[in-house]
């Protein structure tokens, strides 16, 4: 029998939502996790994991007795990734030493060549640092949300970042090389942190460096969710797949919501949404910066014999940008060769009232131009099919210097929703919370998970 009165409703069917729900259950709250197809995270936030993300999930799984996270290796496969920076192609996703060697080979002005001895220690020191970083983040006496990382000089991996960082913040490089370096930073922060910026704090840049050096893994999110769901229900949580109807408010608070079935109205003291775009909900987030959306589609190769490209590049993952794209409304795209097509996601500036059809012609021209850099030998044309907005969003940060200011990973205030289409829409709802790309945490999956750990016991 479904409960009619619950402490907390959690909207969003993803592993972040399951972690948050489990934290609430451990506090003896009654929890209902709601899977509404109009609100969730997309693949951009759930498909790719670094070693730092994985080790943090394992630690959280151990602490909260959530076997889906402790056993997450069962849902991972290795993932090579090509960063295309104009004509430069960088293969990443392997061992840390291989990733560093590739970057140093392609960009010798940015990444200083290491000695043979340093290369031999690089992988070991990388994994040692990740382990120490995770342990420190769970030590209440040592961990500081404004200083999430430490920088031991004796660690070869950390020392290589320090050299890179000094090159980044100096004025020693020619303008054209700086533009390449800033584009690489913009791609890295955009892809791994959801923040489009070619600058940042030292902690943000170090996290980006960790991601560049890390082996990458593709997460089977659907399979992981199935295990998490079983464990969550076994722990006393309730689950409902629905379309959220008839949100009832009174005096700026949510009073109840109606399920899409005979259960009728359910009263919830609090409600948290964990996901991305809210375009199909009667709720909105008052975010004043520039927001980017993801447009997903399929690339169809219009050329006789195109099958040979699909066969040769099966399962290749590509992130593409250039010095001319940084700061524009179309800063990058990423995609994957899969089966008989190329699955692609374009990052585009979000504008009110935009529809998928508005972008089709412009993006078709863009991708045909860009593919000349990816595969110069391809003589055919590319067409886009099934173009649609995903749930994913990114934000832009227009900063023109490198800040030494420490920014807390944990937002000072919870982000609350506003009612859309009401005269009092400027007043935030008292007990309806948002956790997603438009919050102030800046380190991708790593900080998103730590924020949930910190806020779960407080909401």
Protein backbone atom coordinates (compact mmCIF):
# COMPACT_ATOMS: atom_id res chain seq x y z
CA UNK A 1 0.00 0.00 0.00
CA UNK A 2 1.46 3.33 -1.08
CA UNK A 3 1.90 5.89 1.70
CA UNK A 4 -0.35 8.96 1.57
CA UNK A 5 1.94 11.07 3.76
CA UNK A 6 5.71 11.09 3.32
CA UNK A 7 8.59 13.15 4.62
CA UNK A 8 10.46 13.60 1.34
CA UNK A 9 9.66 13.09 -2.34
CA UNK A 10 12.73 12.80 -4.58
CA UNK A 11 12.20 13.41 -8.31
CA UNK A 12 14.71 12.03 -10.81
CA UNK A 13 15.58 8.45 -11.73
CA UNK A 14 19.39 8.41 -11.59
CA UNK A 15 22.14 7.23 -9.28
CA UNK A 16 22.43 10.67 -7.65
CA UNK A 17 18.76 10.44 -6.64
CA UNK A 18 19.21 6.96 -5.21
CA UNK A 19 22.20 8.08 -3.12
CA UNK A 20 20.28 11.08 -1.80
CA UNK A 21 17.22 8.94 -1.03
CA UNK A 22 19.35 6.40 0.86
CA UNK A 23 20.89 9.17 2.97
CA UNK A 24 17.37 10.36 3.85
CA UNK A 25 16.27 6.80 4.69
CA UNK A 26 19.24 6.42 7.04
CA UNK A 27 17.87 9.47 8.87
CA UNK A 28 14.63 7.50 9.43
CA UNK A 29 12.67 9.65 6.97
CA UNK A 30 9.94 8.21 4.77
CA UNK A 31 10.99 8.64 1.15
CA UNK A 32 9.31 8.22 -2.22
CA UNK A 33 11.49 8.29 -5.33
CA UNK A 34 9.54 9.49 -8.37
CA UNK A 35 10.51 8.62 -11.93
CA UNK A 36 8.92 11.33 -14.11
CA UNK A 37 10.02 11.01 -17.74
CA UNK A 38 10.00 14.83 -18.06
CA UNK A 39 12.79 15.36 -15.53
CA UNK A 40 16.11 13.58 -15.09
CA UNK A 41 19.82 13.68 -15.86
CA UNK A 42 20.89 12.69 -19.37
CA UNK A 43 23.89 10.69 -20.55
CA UNK A 44 26.17 13.72 -20.33
CA UNK A 45 26.08 13.53 -16.52
CA UNK A 46 25.72 9.79 -16.00
CA UNK A 47 27.62 7.91 -18.71
CA UNK A 48 31.32 8.77 -18.18
CA UNK A 49 33.17 8.28 -14.89
CA UNK A 50 36.77 8.99 -13.89
CA UNK A 51 38.73 7.07 -11.29
CA UNK A 52 38.08 9.87 -8.78
CA UNK A 53 34.31 9.51 -9.30
CA UNK A 54 34.43 5.73 -9.05
CA UNK A 55 36.46 5.63 -5.84
CA UNK A 56 34.16 8.21 -4.26
CA UNK A 57 31.08 6.15 -5.18
CA UNK A 58 32.67 3.05 -3.68
CA UNK A 59 33.42 4.91 -0.45
CA UNK A 60 29.87 6.28 -0.29
CA UNK A 61 28.50 2.80 -0.97
CA UNK A 62 30.50 1.43 1.93
CA UNK A 63 29.46 4.21 4.30
CA UNK A 64 25.76 3.99 3.44
CA UNK A 65 25.63 0.23 2.94
CA UNK A 66 24.68 0.56 -0.73
CA UNK A 67 26.12 -2.43 -2.61
CA UNK A 68 25.29 -1.02 -6.02
CA UNK A 69 28.04 1.55 -5.50
CA UNK A 70 30.56 -0.75 -3.81
CA UNK A 71 30.09 -3.18 -6.72
CA UNK A 72 30.14 -0.48 -9.39
CA UNK A 73 33.01 -2.17 -11.27
CA UNK A 74 30.39 -4.65 -12.51
CA UNK A 75 28.74 -1.84 -14.51
CA UNK A 76 31.86 -0.26 -16.04
CA UNK A 77 33.70 -0.72 -19.31
CA UNK A 78 36.84 1.12 -20.38
CA UNK A 79 36.29 4.14 -22.61
CA UNK A 80 38.84 5.72 -24.94
CA UNK A 81 38.12 9.33 -25.81
CA UNK A 82 39.45 11.51 -28.61
CA UNK A 83 39.74 15.23 -27.95
CA UNK A 84 39.78 17.07 -31.27
CA UNK A 85 41.13 20.58 -30.89
CA UNK A 86 40.86 21.75 -34.46
CA UNK A 87 43.37 19.65 -36.39
CA UNK A 88 45.00 18.22 -33.24
CA UNK A 89 43.75 14.80 -32.14
CA UNK A 90 44.47 13.66 -28.57
CA UNK A 91 43.67 10.11 -27.47
CA UNK A 92 42.76 10.02 -23.76
CA UNK A 93 41.16 7.58 -21.33
CA UNK A 94 44.08 5.17 -20.90
CA UNK A 95 46.60 4.92 -18.08
CA UNK A 96 47.59 8.26 -16.49
CA UNK A 97 51.15 8.06 -17.80
CA UNK A 98 49.85 7.34 -21.33
CA UNK A 99 47.47 10.29 -21.17
CA UNK A 100 50.21 12.63 -19.97
CA UNK A 101 52.62 11.37 -22.63
CA UNK A 102 49.99 11.96 -25.34
CA UNK A 103 49.34 15.51 -24.15
CA UNK A 104 53.07 16.26 -23.83
CA UNK A 105 53.65 14.91 -27.34
CA UNK A 106 50.88 17.03 -28.86
CA UNK A 107 51.40 20.14 -26.70
CA UNK A 108 55.05 20.27 -25.59
CA UNK A 109 54.74 23.94 -24.62
CA UNK A 110 52.01 23.15 -22.06
CA UNK A 111 53.02 19.77 -20.64
CA UNK A 112 56.68 19.46 -19.69
CA UNK A 113 58.36 16.20 -20.73
CA UNK A 114 58.95 13.90 -17.77
CA UNK A 115 62.00 11.75 -17.12
CA UNK A 116 61.82 7.96 -17.45
CA UNK A 117 61.85 7.67 -13.67
CA UNK A 118 58.96 10.13 -13.36
CA UNK A 119 56.93 8.23 -15.97
CA UNK A 120 57.49 5.00 -14.06
CA UNK A 121 56.11 6.60 -10.88
CA UNK A 122 53.28 8.53 -12.55
CA UNK A 123 50.56 5.84 -12.46
CA UNK A 124 51.41 4.77 -8.92
CA UNK A 125 51.44 8.35 -7.62
CA UNK A 126 48.16 9.13 -9.42
CA UNK A 127 46.34 6.22 -7.75
CA UNK A 128 47.99 6.99 -4.41
CA UNK A 129 46.80 10.56 -4.62
CA UNK A 130 43.22 9.55 -5.51
CA UNK A 131 43.08 7.21 -2.50
CA UNK A 132 44.42 9.90 -0.17
CA UNK A 133 42.03 12.50 -1.62
CA UNK A 134 38.98 10.28 -1.01
CA UNK A 135 40.04 9.44 2.54
CA UNK A 136 40.68 13.08 3.32
CA UNK A 137 37.26 14.12 2.00
CA UNK A 138 35.67 11.88 4.67
CA UNK A 139 37.84 13.20 7.49
CA UNK A 140 35.89 15.95 9.22
CA UNK A 141 39.04 17.35 10.82
CA UNK A 142 41.13 17.53 7.64
CA UNK A 143 38.63 18.22 4.87
CA UNK A 144 37.72 21.76 3.97
CA UNK A 145 35.10 22.38 1.27
CA UNK A 146 36.99 25.54 0.26
CA UNK A 147 40.25 23.61 -0.08
CA UNK A 148 39.21 20.18 -1.38
CA UNK A 149 42.69 19.25 -2.61
CA UNK A 150 46.19 19.22 -1.20
CA UNK A 151 49.32 19.48 -3.33
CA UNK A 152 52.22 17.32 -2.01
CA UNK A 153 55.45 18.21 -3.79
CA UNK A 154 56.83 14.67 -3.57
CA UNK A 155 54.01 13.28 -5.70
CA UNK A 156 55.08 13.17 -9.37
CA UNK A 157 51.52 13.49 -10.63
CA UNK A 158 50.85 16.58 -8.49
CA UNK A 159 54.23 18.08 -9.41
CA UNK A 160 53.37 17.72 -13.12
CA UNK A 161 50.16 19.67 -12.49
CA UNK A 162 52.07 22.43 -10.71
CA UNK A 163 54.29 22.86 -13.78
CA UNK A 164 51.24 22.92 -16.04
CA UNK A 165 49.48 25.40 -13.76
CA UNK A 166 52.44 27.78 -13.78
CA UNK A 167 52.48 27.68 -17.59
CA UNK A 168 48.73 28.34 -17.64
CA UNK A 169 48.77 31.41 -15.39
CA UNK A 170 51.97 32.91 -16.79
CA UNK A 171 52.23 35.37 -19.67
CA UNK A 172 55.12 33.58 -21.35
CA UNK A 173 53.29 31.86 -24.22
CA UNK A 174 52.65 33.43 -27.64
CA UNK A 175 49.02 34.43 -28.25
CA UNK A 176 48.25 31.58 -30.67
CA UNK A 177 49.54 28.98 -28.18
CA UNK A 178 47.57 30.57 -25.35
CA UNK A 179 44.44 30.28 -27.45
CA UNK A 180 45.03 26.56 -27.89
CA UNK A 181 45.69 26.13 -24.18
CA UNK A 182 42.58 28.06 -23.18
CA UNK A 183 40.52 26.01 -25.65
CA UNK A 184 41.80 22.80 -24.06
CA UNK A 185 40.84 24.10 -20.62
CA UNK A 186 37.40 25.10 -21.90
CA UNK A 187 36.84 21.64 -23.38
CA UNK A 188 38.03 19.93 -20.21
CA UNK A 189 35.94 22.01 -17.83
CA UNK A 190 32.91 21.81 -20.10
CA UNK A 191 33.03 18.05 -20.55
CA UNK A 192 33.98 17.01 -17.01
CA UNK A 193 32.53 19.83 -14.90
CA UNK A 194 29.61 21.18 -16.93
CA UNK A 195 31.20 24.65 -16.76
CA UNK A 196 32.30 26.38 -19.95
CA UNK A 197 35.32 28.41 -18.89
CA UNK A 198 38.92 28.76 -20.01
CA UNK A 199 39.95 30.05 -16.58
CA UNK A 200 39.19 28.94 -13.02
CA UNK A 201 40.45 28.56 -9.49
CA UNK A 202 43.40 26.30 -8.79
CA UNK A 203 41.09 23.63 -7.36
CA UNK A 204 38.86 23.70 -10.47
CA UNK A 205 41.86 23.44 -12.77
CA UNK A 206 43.42 20.66 -10.71
CA UNK A 207 40.20 18.67 -10.84
CA UNK A 208 40.20 19.15 -14.62
CA UNK A 209 43.81 17.92 -14.72
CA UNK A 210 42.82 14.82 -12.71
CA UNK A 211 40.08 14.11 -15.27
CA UNK A 212 42.44 14.53 -18.23
CA UNK A 213 44.92 12.07 -16.70
CA UNK A 214 42.37 9.55 -15.48
CA UNK A 215 41.39 6.31 -17.16
CA UNK A 216 37.79 6.73 -18.34
CA UNK A 217 34.89 4.33 -17.93
CA UNK A 218 31.47 4.04 -19.50
CA UNK A 219 28.74 3.39 -16.94
CA UNK A 220 25.84 1.04 -17.69
CA UNK A 221 23.48 3.39 -15.89
CA UNK A 222 20.31 1.39 -16.53
CA UNK A 223 21.75 -1.79 -15.03
CA UNK A 224 23.15 0.10 -12.03
CA UNK A 225 19.77 1.75 -11.41
CA UNK A 226 18.07 -1.65 -11.33
CA UNK A 227 20.32 -2.83 -8.49
CA UNK A 228 20.05 0.48 -6.64
CA UNK A 229 16.26 0.38 -6.95
CA UNK A 230 16.07 -3.11 -5.43
CA UNK A 231 18.31 -2.11 -2.52
CA UNK A 232 16.46 1.16 -1.99
CA UNK A 233 13.06 -0.57 -1.79
CA UNK A 234 14.51 -3.26 0.49
CA UNK A 235 15.68 -0.44 2.80
CA UNK A 236 12.12 0.85 3.13
CA UNK A 237 11.93 3.39 0.32
CA UNK A 238 8.98 3.69 -2.06
CA UNK A 239 9.26 4.03 -5.84
CA UNK A 240 6.73 5.25 -8.37
CA UNK A 241 7.02 5.75 -12.13
CA UNK A 242 4.65 8.57 -13.03
CA UNK A 243 3.99 11.90 -14.59
CA UNK A 244 3.75 14.42 -11.77
CA UNK A 245 0.32 16.01 -11.82
CA UNK A 246 -1.55 18.67 -9.87
CA UNK A 247 1.14 20.14 -7.67
CA UNK A 248 -0.79 21.92 -4.94
CA UNK A 249 0.71 24.93 -3.18
CA UNK A 250 -0.37 27.02 -0.24
CA UNK A 251 1.39 30.05 1.25
CA UNK A 252 4.52 29.40 -0.83
CA UNK A 253 4.81 25.73 0.20
CA UNK A 254 4.09 22.50 -1.60
CA UNK A 255 1.09 20.81 0.00
CA UNK A 256 0.65 17.71 -2.15
CA UNK A 257 1.00 16.19 -5.59
CA UNK A 258 -1.22 13.80 -7.50
CA UNK A 259 -0.08 10.50 -8.93
CA UNK A 260 -1.15 9.33 -12.39
CA UNK A 261 -3.30 6.53 -10.97
CA UNK A 262 -5.90 5.59 -8.41
CA UNK A 263 -3.66 6.50 -5.45
CA UNK A 264 -4.76 10.14 -5.74
CA UNK A 265 -3.07 12.94 -3.81
CA UNK A 266 0.13 12.25 -1.86
CA UNK A 267 1.27 14.74 0.75
CA UNK A 268 4.99 15.40 1.03
CA UNK A 269 6.63 17.66 3.60
CA UNK A 270 9.53 18.31 1.25
CA UNK A 271 10.43 17.62 -2.36
CA UNK A 272 13.85 17.55 -4.05
CA UNK A 273 14.48 17.45 -7.81
CA UNK A 274 17.74 15.85 -8.98
CA UNK A 275 18.28 16.38 -12.69
CA UNK A 276 18.72 18.95 -15.41
CA UNK A 277 16.38 20.97 -17.61
CA UNK A 278 12.93 21.81 -16.22
CA UNK A 279 11.35 22.95 -19.51
CA UNK A 280 8.36 20.58 -19.15
CA UNK A 281 7.68 21.27 -15.47
CA UNK A 282 5.64 24.09 -13.86
CA UNK A 283 8.74 24.99 -11.85
CA UNK A 284 11.86 26.98 -12.67
CA UNK A 285 15.25 27.94 -11.23
CA UNK A 286 16.16 31.61 -11.04
CA UNK A 287 19.61 31.36 -12.64
CA UNK A 288 20.94 34.61 -14.09
CA UNK A 289 23.97 33.39 -16.00
CA UNK A 290 24.19 31.97 -19.51
CA UNK A 291 22.87 28.44 -19.85
CA UNK A 292 23.68 25.91 -22.56
CA UNK A 293 21.47 23.01 -23.59
CA UNK A 294 22.35 19.69 -25.21
CA UNK A 295 20.75 18.78 -28.54
CA UNK A 296 21.02 15.06 -29.30
CA UNK A 297 20.67 13.47 -32.70
CA UNK A 298 21.96 10.87 -35.14
CA UNK A 299 24.42 11.58 -37.95
CA UNK A 300 23.65 9.72 -41.15
CA UNK A 301 26.54 9.27 -43.61
CA UNK A 302 25.36 9.99 -47.16
CA UNK A 303 28.16 8.39 -49.14
CA UNK A 304 28.65 5.11 -50.95
CA UNK A 305 30.94 2.91 -48.89
CA UNK A 306 30.47 4.89 -45.66
CA UNK A 307 30.12 1.57 -43.81
CA UNK A 308 33.90 1.25 -43.73
CA UNK A 309 34.14 4.35 -41.53
CA UNK A 310 31.53 3.02 -39.13
CA UNK A 311 33.30 -0.33 -38.94
CA UNK A 312 36.74 1.16 -38.38
CA UNK A 313 35.63 3.69 -35.77
CA UNK A 314 33.12 1.60 -33.83
CA UNK A 315 32.80 2.75 -30.19
CA UNK A 316 35.06 5.77 -30.76
CA UNK A 317 34.13 8.71 -28.54
CA UNK A 318 34.89 12.21 -29.82
CA UNK A 319 34.85 15.66 -28.23
CA UNK A 320 35.36 18.45 -30.77
CA UNK A 321 36.09 22.16 -30.38
CA UNK A 322 38.46 24.78 -31.77
CA UNK A 323 39.93 28.14 -30.87
CA UNK A 324 37.18 29.81 -32.94
CA UNK A 325 34.37 28.16 -30.98
CA UNK A 326 35.28 29.24 -27.44
CA UNK A 327 32.85 31.85 -26.17
CA UNK A 328 30.36 31.31 -29.00
CA UNK A 329 26.83 29.91 -28.87
CA UNK A 330 28.09 26.59 -30.29
CA UNK A 331 31.29 25.91 -28.29
CA UNK A 332 31.64 22.14 -28.78
CA UNK A 333 30.01 18.86 -29.67
CA UNK A 334 30.64 15.29 -28.64
CA UNK A 335 29.55 11.94 -29.97
CA UNK A 336 30.09 8.25 -30.41
CA UNK A 337 30.19 5.86 -33.36
CA UNK A 338 27.59 3.24 -32.57
CA UNK A 339 26.17 0.64 -34.93
CA UNK A 340 25.14 2.21 -38.23
CA UNK A 341 25.20 5.83 -37.15
CA UNK A 342 27.04 8.42 -35.12
CA UNK A 343 25.20 9.53 -31.97
CA UNK A 344 25.95 13.22 -31.45
CA UNK A 345 25.24 15.92 -28.87
CA UNK A 346 25.63 19.60 -29.70
CA UNK A 347 26.17 22.14 -26.92
CA UNK A 348 24.09 25.20 -27.82
CA UNK A 349 23.23 28.42 -26.01
CA UNK A 350 19.79 28.18 -24.44
CA UNK A 351 17.26 30.73 -25.60
CA UNK A 352 13.64 31.16 -24.59
CA UNK A 353 11.17 29.57 -26.96
CA UNK A 354 13.77 27.65 -28.97
CA UNK A 355 12.65 24.49 -30.73
CA UNK A 356 14.75 21.68 -32.14
CA UNK A 357 13.78 22.57 -35.71
CA UNK A 358 15.30 26.05 -35.31
CA UNK A 359 18.78 24.52 -35.09
CA UNK A 360 18.63 21.84 -37.77
CA UNK A 361 19.96 23.74 -40.78
CA UNK A 362 22.72 25.57 -38.91
CA UNK A 363 23.97 22.44 -37.10
CA UNK A 364 23.95 20.43 -40.32
CA UNK A 365 26.32 22.95 -41.90
CA UNK A 366 28.44 23.07 -38.73
CA UNK A 367 28.93 19.32 -38.51
CA UNK A 368 29.78 18.96 -42.20
CA UNK A 369 32.44 21.66 -41.79
CA UNK A 370 33.85 20.16 -38.58
CA UNK A 371 34.02 16.61 -39.93
CA UNK A 372 36.59 17.77 -42.46
CA UNK A 373 38.97 18.02 -39.50
CA UNK A 374 37.93 14.70 -37.99
CA UNK A 375 38.03 12.62 -41.19
CA UNK A 376 39.56 14.65 -44.07
CA UNK A 377 39.21 11.69 -46.45
CA UNK A 378 35.42 11.55 -46.13
CA UNK A 379 33.90 12.95 -49.33
CA UNK A 380 30.19 12.55 -48.65
CA UNK A 381 27.73 14.60 -46.66
CA UNK A 382 26.24 14.23 -43.20
CA UNK A 383 22.59 14.61 -42.30
CA UNK A 384 21.10 14.96 -38.83
CA UNK A 385 18.07 12.94 -37.77
CA UNK A 386 15.97 12.75 -34.59
CA UNK A 387 17.30 16.03 -33.19
CA UNK A 388 15.90 16.67 -29.71
CA UNK A 389 16.80 18.41 -26.47
CA UNK A 390 18.16 16.22 -23.69
CA UNK A 391 17.83 16.95 -19.97
CA UNK A 392 21.43 18.12 -19.76
CA UNK A 393 22.54 21.70 -19.23
CA UNK A 394 25.88 23.46 -18.84
CA UNK A 395 26.70 26.92 -17.58
CA UNK A 396 29.16 29.51 -18.85
CA UNK A 397 31.56 31.40 -16.65
CA UNK A 398 33.03 34.52 -18.25
CA UNK A 399 36.20 35.05 -16.29
CA UNK A 400 39.30 36.57 -17.84
CA UNK A 401 41.83 35.90 -15.11
CA UNK A 402 42.88 33.02 -12.89
CA UNK A 403 41.39 33.48 -9.45
CA UNK A 404 43.30 32.54 -6.31
CA UNK A 405 40.07 32.82 -4.35
CA UNK A 406 38.88 29.62 -2.71
CA UNK A 407 35.26 28.76 -3.53
CA UNK A 408 33.36 26.34 -1.31
CA UNK A 409 32.15 23.14 -2.95
CA UNK A 410 29.08 23.25 -0.71
CA UNK A 411 26.62 26.02 -1.66
CA UNK A 412 25.92 28.49 1.13
CA UNK A 413 22.19 28.25 0.38
CA UNK A 414 20.03 25.48 -0.98
CA UNK A 415 18.72 26.22 -4.46
CA UNK A 416 14.94 26.40 -4.36
CA UNK A 417 12.38 26.31 -7.14
CA UNK A 418 10.07 29.07 -8.21
CA UNK A 419 6.54 28.61 -9.50
CA UNK A 420 6.20 29.35 -13.17
CA UNK A 421 3.15 31.16 -14.58
CA UNK A 422 2.10 32.82 -11.35
CA UNK A 423 2.11 36.48 -10.19
CA UNK A 424 4.19 35.51 -7.16
CA UNK A 425 6.75 33.58 -9.19
CA UNK A 426 9.64 35.61 -7.76
CA UNK A 427 9.09 34.10 -4.32
CA UNK A 428 10.93 30.78 -3.94
CA UNK A 429 8.98 27.81 -2.69
CA UNK A 430 9.73 27.00 0.92
CA UNK A 431 10.16 23.26 0.70
CA UNK A 432 10.90 22.42 -2.95
CA UNK A 433 14.63 22.07 -3.69
CA UNK A 434 16.74 21.77 -6.82
CA UNK A 435 20.03 19.96 -7.25
CA UNK A 436 21.50 20.02 -10.73
CA UNK A 437 23.79 21.84 -13.19
CA UNK A 438 22.65 25.32 -12.08
CA UNK A 439 23.88 25.00 -8.49
CA UNK A 440 27.19 26.51 -7.37
CA UNK A 441 29.23 23.31 -7.08
CA UNK A 442 31.96 23.28 -9.72
CA UNK A 443 33.74 19.92 -9.91
CA UNK A 444 31.36 17.73 -11.87
CA UNK A 445 30.33 14.36 -10.48
CA UNK A 446 32.88 14.60 -7.66
CA UNK A 447 31.43 17.73 -6.09
CA UNK A 448 27.82 16.75 -6.89
CA UNK A 449 28.21 13.62 -4.80
CA UNK A 450 29.91 15.45 -1.94
CA UNK A 451 27.16 18.08 -1.94
CA UNK A 452 24.51 15.37 -1.57
CA UNK A 453 26.47 13.83 1.28
CA UNK A 454 26.68 17.17 3.06
CA UNK A 455 23.13 18.39 2.39
CA UNK A 456 21.28 15.13 2.89
CA UNK A 457 21.45 15.26 6.68
CA UNK A 458 20.48 18.96 6.73
CA UNK A 459 17.37 19.20 4.55
